[in-house]
Amino acid sequence: MTLYILLAFVFALEVMRIGRHRIVNKLLSTETMSPQSAKPFKDVGISDMFSAKILLISGIIKRVDNEKYYLDLSRKVQIENIRPIIVLVVFSIGTLVYVLIR
């Protein structure tokens, strides 16, 4: 049963990652990568506000004026460089918990 919960958690994380990836691609395709080229989410075609909020909190998307946003490429690269370490730590903790519970 615990393994199924862990698999469901991993699946949910992957679905969220795909949502964030789609938002980043939309911002890249509309060349919204500076404060001068910032656009509202509606103009870019972004409707997944949950993933957008995660990107805002992590600093990958920056807010300008009232409702205009742009992609911060340097922050995106910085986050991508640490992501494998985070995944390794989360996987290790999950494995440890699974082994201790079993």
N, C-alpha and C. Protein backbone atom coordinates (compact mmCIF):
# COMPACT_ATOMS: atom_id res chain seq x y z
N MET A 1 0.82 -1.20 0.00
CA MET A 1 0.00 0.00 0.00
C MET A 1 0.86 1.26 0.00
N THR A 2 1.93 1.26 0.80
CA THR A 2 2.81 2.42 0.87
C THR A 2 3.47 2.68 -0.48
N LEU A 3 3.80 1.62 -1.18
CA LEU A 3 4.41 1.77 -2.50
C LEU A 3 3.46 2.46 -3.46
N TYR A 4 2.18 2.15 -3.37
CA TYR A 4 1.18 2.79 -4.24
C TYR A 4 1.06 4.28 -3.93
N ILE A 5 1.14 4.63 -2.66
CA ILE A 5 1.09 6.04 -2.28
C ILE A 5 2.31 6.76 -2.83
N LEU A 6 3.46 6.14 -2.72
CA LEU A 6 4.69 6.74 -3.25
C LEU A 6 4.59 6.91 -4.77
N LEU A 7 4.07 5.91 -5.46
CA LEU A 7 3.91 6.01 -6.92
C LEU A 7 2.91 7.10 -7.30
N ALA A 8 1.83 7.23 -6.53
CA ALA A 8 0.85 8.29 -6.79
C ALA A 8 1.49 9.66 -6.59
N PHE A 9 2.33 9.78 -5.58
CA PHE A 9 3.03 11.04 -5.32
C PHE A 9 3.98 11.39 -6.47
N VAL A 10 4.72 10.41 -6.93
CA VAL A 10 5.65 10.64 -8.05
C VAL A 10 4.88 11.02 -9.31
N PHE A 11 3.75 10.35 -9.55
CA PHE A 11 2.92 10.67 -10.71
C PHE A 11 2.39 12.11 -10.63
N ALA A 12 1.94 12.52 -9.45
CA ALA A 12 1.44 13.89 -9.28
C ALA A 12 2.54 14.91 -9.52
N LEU A 13 3.74 14.63 -9.05
CA LEU A 13 4.87 15.53 -9.28
C LEU A 13 5.18 15.65 -10.77
N GLU A 14 5.09 14.55 -11.48
CA GLU A 14 5.37 14.56 -12.92
C GLU A 14 4.32 15.37 -13.68
N VAL A 15 3.06 15.24 -13.29
CA VAL A 15 1.99 16.02 -13.92
C VAL A 15 2.23 17.51 -13.70
N MET A 16 2.64 17.89 -12.49
CA MET A 16 2.92 19.30 -12.22
C MET A 16 4.13 19.78 -13.01
N ARG A 17 5.14 18.92 -13.15
CA ARG A 17 6.33 19.30 -13.93
C ARG A 17 5.98 19.55 -15.38
N ILE A 18 5.10 18.73 -15.93
CA ILE A 18 4.67 18.91 -17.32
C ILE A 18 3.93 20.23 -17.47
N GLY A 19 3.09 20.58 -16.49
CA GLY A 19 2.37 21.86 -16.53
C GLY A 19 3.32 23.04 -16.50
N ARG A 20 4.34 22.97 -15.66
CA ARG A 20 5.33 24.05 -15.61
C ARG A 20 6.11 24.14 -16.92
N HIS A 21 6.45 22.99 -17.48
CA HIS A 21 7.20 22.95 -18.74
C HIS A 21 6.39 23.60 -19.87
N ARG A 22 5.10 23.35 -19.91
CA ARG A 22 4.24 23.95 -20.94
C ARG A 22 4.21 25.47 -20.82
N ILE A 23 4.13 25.96 -19.59
CA ILE A 23 4.11 27.41 -19.38
C ILE A 23 5.41 28.04 -19.85
N VAL A 24 6.52 27.43 -19.48
CA VAL A 24 7.83 27.94 -19.89
C VAL A 24 7.94 27.95 -21.42
N ASN A 25 7.48 26.89 -22.07
CA ASN A 25 7.52 26.84 -23.53
C ASN A 25 6.66 27.92 -24.17
N LYS A 26 5.48 28.20 -23.59
CA LYS A 26 4.62 29.26 -24.12
C LYS A 26 5.30 30.61 -23.99
N LEU A 27 5.95 30.85 -22.86
CA LEU A 27 6.66 32.12 -22.69
C LEU A 27 7.85 32.23 -23.64
N LEU A 28 8.54 31.12 -23.86
CA LEU A 28 9.66 31.13 -24.81
C LEU A 28 9.18 31.36 -26.24
N SER A 29 8.08 30.73 -26.61
CA SER A 29 7.58 30.86 -27.98
C SER A 29 7.04 32.25 -28.28
N THR A 30 6.57 32.95 -27.25
CA THR A 30 6.08 34.32 -27.47
C THR A 30 7.16 35.35 -27.18
N GLU A 31 8.38 34.88 -26.91
CA GLU A 31 9.54 35.73 -26.64
C GLU A 31 9.27 36.72 -25.51
N THR A 32 8.70 36.20 -24.44
CA THR A 32 8.39 37.00 -23.25
C THR A 32 9.48 36.75 -22.22
N MET A 33 10.67 37.35 -22.48
CA MET A 33 11.82 37.03 -21.65
C MET A 33 12.52 38.25 -21.05
N SER A 34 11.83 39.38 -21.01
CA SER A 34 12.39 40.57 -20.39
C SER A 34 11.25 41.45 -19.87
N PRO A 35 11.55 42.36 -18.96
CA PRO A 35 10.48 43.24 -18.46
C PRO A 35 9.82 44.06 -19.57
N GLN A 36 10.57 44.39 -20.61
CA GLN A 36 10.01 45.17 -21.71
C GLN A 36 9.04 44.35 -22.56
N SER A 37 9.25 43.05 -22.63
CA SER A 37 8.38 42.20 -23.46
C SER A 37 7.32 41.46 -22.64
N ALA A 38 7.16 41.84 -21.37
CA ALA A 38 6.21 41.17 -20.49
C ALA A 38 4.78 41.29 -21.02
N LYS A 39 4.02 40.21 -20.84
CA LYS A 39 2.64 40.15 -21.32
C LYS A 39 1.75 39.51 -20.26
N PRO A 40 0.45 39.81 -20.30
CA PRO A 40 -0.47 39.11 -19.39
C PRO A 40 -0.57 37.64 -19.75
N PHE A 41 -0.91 36.81 -18.78
CA PHE A 41 -1.05 35.37 -19.02
C PHE A 41 -2.07 35.07 -20.11
N LYS A 42 -3.15 35.85 -20.17
CA LYS A 42 -4.19 35.62 -21.19
C LYS A 42 -3.63 35.77 -22.59
N ASP A 43 -2.79 36.79 -22.80
CA ASP A 43 -2.22 37.03 -24.12
C ASP A 43 -1.28 35.91 -24.56
N VAL A 44 -0.63 35.28 -23.60
CA VAL A 44 0.31 34.19 -23.89
C VAL A 44 -0.41 32.86 -24.05
N GLY A 45 -1.61 32.77 -23.47
CA GLY A 45 -2.38 31.53 -23.54
C GLY A 45 -2.18 30.62 -22.35
N ILE A 46 -1.85 31.21 -21.20
CA ILE A 46 -1.63 30.43 -19.99
C ILE A 46 -2.90 30.44 -19.15
N SER A 47 -3.41 29.24 -18.88
CA SER A 47 -4.61 29.13 -18.05
C SER A 47 -4.37 28.31 -16.78
N ASP A 48 -3.25 27.61 -16.70
CA ASP A 48 -2.92 26.79 -15.53
C ASP A 48 -2.30 27.68 -14.45
N MET A 49 -3.16 28.25 -13.62
CA MET A 49 -2.67 29.20 -12.62
C MET A 49 -1.89 28.52 -11.49
N PHE A 50 -2.18 27.25 -11.20
CA PHE A 50 -1.44 26.55 -10.15
C PHE A 50 0.04 26.44 -10.52
N SER A 51 0.32 25.98 -11.72
CA SER A 51 1.71 25.86 -12.17
C SER A 51 2.37 27.22 -12.31
N ALA A 52 1.59 28.21 -12.75
CA ALA A 52 2.13 29.56 -12.89
C ALA A 52 2.54 30.12 -11.53
N LYS A 53 1.74 29.86 -10.52
CA LYS A 53 2.08 30.33 -9.16
C LYS A 53 3.35 29.67 -8.65
N ILE A 54 3.52 28.39 -8.95
CA ILE A 54 4.75 27.69 -8.54
C ILE A 54 5.96 28.35 -9.21
N LEU A 55 5.83 28.67 -10.50
CA LEU A 55 6.93 29.32 -11.22
C LEU A 55 7.18 30.73 -10.69
N LEU A 56 6.12 31.43 -10.28
CA LEU A 56 6.28 32.76 -9.68
C LEU A 56 7.02 32.66 -8.34
N ILE A 57 6.63 31.70 -7.52
CA ILE A 57 7.27 31.54 -6.21
C ILE A 57 8.75 31.18 -6.36
N SER A 58 9.06 30.34 -7.34
CA SER A 58 10.46 29.93 -7.55
C SER A 58 11.28 31.01 -8.25
N GLY A 59 10.64 32.03 -8.77
CA GLY A 59 11.36 33.14 -9.41
C GLY A 59 11.64 32.93 -10.88
N ILE A 60 11.13 31.85 -11.46
CA ILE A 60 11.35 31.61 -12.89
C ILE A 60 10.51 32.57 -13.72
N ILE A 61 9.32 32.89 -13.23
CA ILE A 61 8.48 33.92 -13.85
C ILE A 61 8.50 35.12 -12.93
N LYS A 62 8.69 36.30 -13.51
CA LYS A 62 8.70 37.55 -12.75
C LYS A 62 7.48 38.38 -13.13
N ARG A 63 6.97 39.12 -12.17
CA ARG A 63 5.80 39.97 -12.39
C ARG A 63 6.24 41.41 -12.60
N VAL A 64 5.64 42.05 -13.61
CA VAL A 64 5.91 43.45 -13.91
C VAL A 64 4.56 44.16 -13.97
N ASP A 65 4.51 45.39 -13.50
CA ASP A 65 3.27 46.17 -13.48
C ASP A 65 2.17 45.40 -12.75
N ASN A 66 0.95 45.46 -13.27
CA ASN A 66 -0.17 44.78 -12.60
C ASN A 66 -0.24 43.31 -12.96
N GLU A 67 -0.49 43.02 -14.20
CA GLU A 67 -0.74 41.64 -14.61
C GLU A 67 0.16 41.18 -15.74
N LYS A 68 1.35 41.74 -15.85
CA LYS A 68 2.28 41.33 -16.90
C LYS A 68 3.40 40.50 -16.30
N TYR A 69 3.79 39.46 -17.06
CA TYR A 69 4.78 38.52 -16.57
C TYR A 69 5.80 38.21 -17.67
N TYR A 70 7.01 37.83 -17.23
CA TYR A 70 8.03 37.40 -18.19
C TYR A 70 8.87 36.28 -17.58
N LEU A 71 9.57 35.56 -18.45
CA LEU A 71 10.41 34.43 -18.06
C LEU A 71 11.81 34.92 -17.76
N ASP A 72 12.32 34.60 -16.58
CA ASP A 72 13.69 34.94 -16.19
C ASP A 72 14.58 33.74 -16.52
N LEU A 73 15.26 33.83 -17.66
CA LEU A 73 16.06 32.69 -18.15
C LEU A 73 17.21 32.32 -17.21
N SER A 74 17.85 33.31 -16.60
CA SER A 74 18.97 33.00 -15.71
C SER A 74 18.50 32.22 -14.49
N ARG A 75 17.33 32.57 -13.96
CA ARG A 75 16.78 31.83 -12.82
C ARG A 75 16.36 30.42 -13.23
N LYS A 76 15.81 30.30 -14.45
CA LYS A 76 15.41 28.99 -14.97
C LYS A 76 16.61 28.05 -15.04
N VAL A 77 17.72 28.53 -15.56
CA VAL A 77 18.95 27.72 -15.66
C VAL A 77 19.47 27.37 -14.27
N GLN A 78 19.41 28.32 -13.35
CA GLN A 78 19.88 28.08 -11.99
C GLN A 78 19.05 26.97 -11.33
N ILE A 79 17.74 27.03 -11.47
CA ILE A 79 16.86 26.01 -10.89
C ILE A 79 17.11 24.65 -11.56
N GLU A 80 17.30 24.65 -12.88
CA GLU A 80 17.54 23.38 -13.58
C GLU A 80 18.83 22.71 -13.13
N ASN A 81 19.80 23.51 -12.72
CA ASN A 81 21.07 22.94 -12.25
C ASN A 81 20.94 22.28 -10.88
N ILE A 82 20.03 22.78 -10.02
CA ILE A 82 19.87 22.18 -8.69
C ILE A 82 18.81 21.09 -8.67
N ARG A 83 17.95 21.03 -9.66
CA ARG A 83 16.84 20.07 -9.65
C ARG A 83 17.29 18.62 -9.48
N PRO A 84 18.34 18.14 -10.16
CA PRO A 84 18.75 16.74 -9.95
C PRO A 84 19.14 16.45 -8.50
N ILE A 85 19.72 17.41 -7.83
CA ILE A 85 20.10 17.22 -6.43
C ILE A 85 18.84 17.09 -5.57
N ILE A 86 17.85 17.94 -5.84
CA ILE A 86 16.59 17.90 -5.08
C ILE A 86 15.89 16.56 -5.30
N VAL A 87 15.85 16.11 -6.55
CA VAL A 87 15.21 14.83 -6.85
C VAL A 87 15.92 13.69 -6.12
N LEU A 88 17.23 13.71 -6.11
CA LEU A 88 18.00 12.67 -5.41
C LEU A 88 17.68 12.67 -3.92
N VAL A 89 17.62 13.84 -3.31
CA VAL A 89 17.34 13.94 -1.88
C VAL A 89 15.92 13.43 -1.58
N VAL A 90 14.94 13.87 -2.37
CA VAL A 90 13.56 13.44 -2.16
C VAL A 90 13.43 11.93 -2.35
N PHE A 91 14.05 11.40 -3.39
CA PHE A 91 14.01 9.96 -3.63
C PHE A 91 14.67 9.19 -2.49
N SER A 92 15.79 9.69 -1.99
CA SER A 92 16.49 9.02 -0.89
C SER A 92 15.64 9.01 0.37
N ILE A 93 15.01 10.14 0.68
CA ILE A 93 14.15 10.22 1.86
C ILE A 93 12.95 9.28 1.70
N GLY A 94 12.35 9.26 0.51
CA GLY A 94 11.22 8.37 0.26
C GLY A 94 11.60 6.91 0.41
N THR A 95 12.76 6.55 -0.10
CA THR A 95 13.24 5.17 0.02
C THR A 95 13.50 4.82 1.48
N LEU A 96 14.11 5.72 2.20
CA LEU A 96 14.39 5.50 3.61
C LEU A 96 13.09 5.30 4.40
N VAL A 97 12.10 6.14 4.15
CA VAL A 97 10.81 6.02 4.83
C VAL A 97 10.16 4.70 4.48
N TYR A 98 10.22 4.32 3.21
CA TYR A 98 9.62 3.06 2.79
C TYR A 98 10.29 1.87 3.48
N VAL A 99 11.60 1.89 3.57
CA VAL A 99 12.33 0.78 4.20
C VAL A 99 12.03 0.74 5.70
N LEU A 100 11.95 1.89 6.35
CA LEU A 100 11.69 1.93 7.80
C LEU A 100 10.27 1.49 8.13
N ILE A 101 9.31 1.84 7.28
CA ILE A 101 7.91 1.47 7.53
C ILE A 101 7.72 -0.01 7.30
N ARG A 102 8.34 -0.51 6.31
CA ARG A 102 8.20 -1.93 5.94
C ARG A 102 8.82 -2.75 6.99
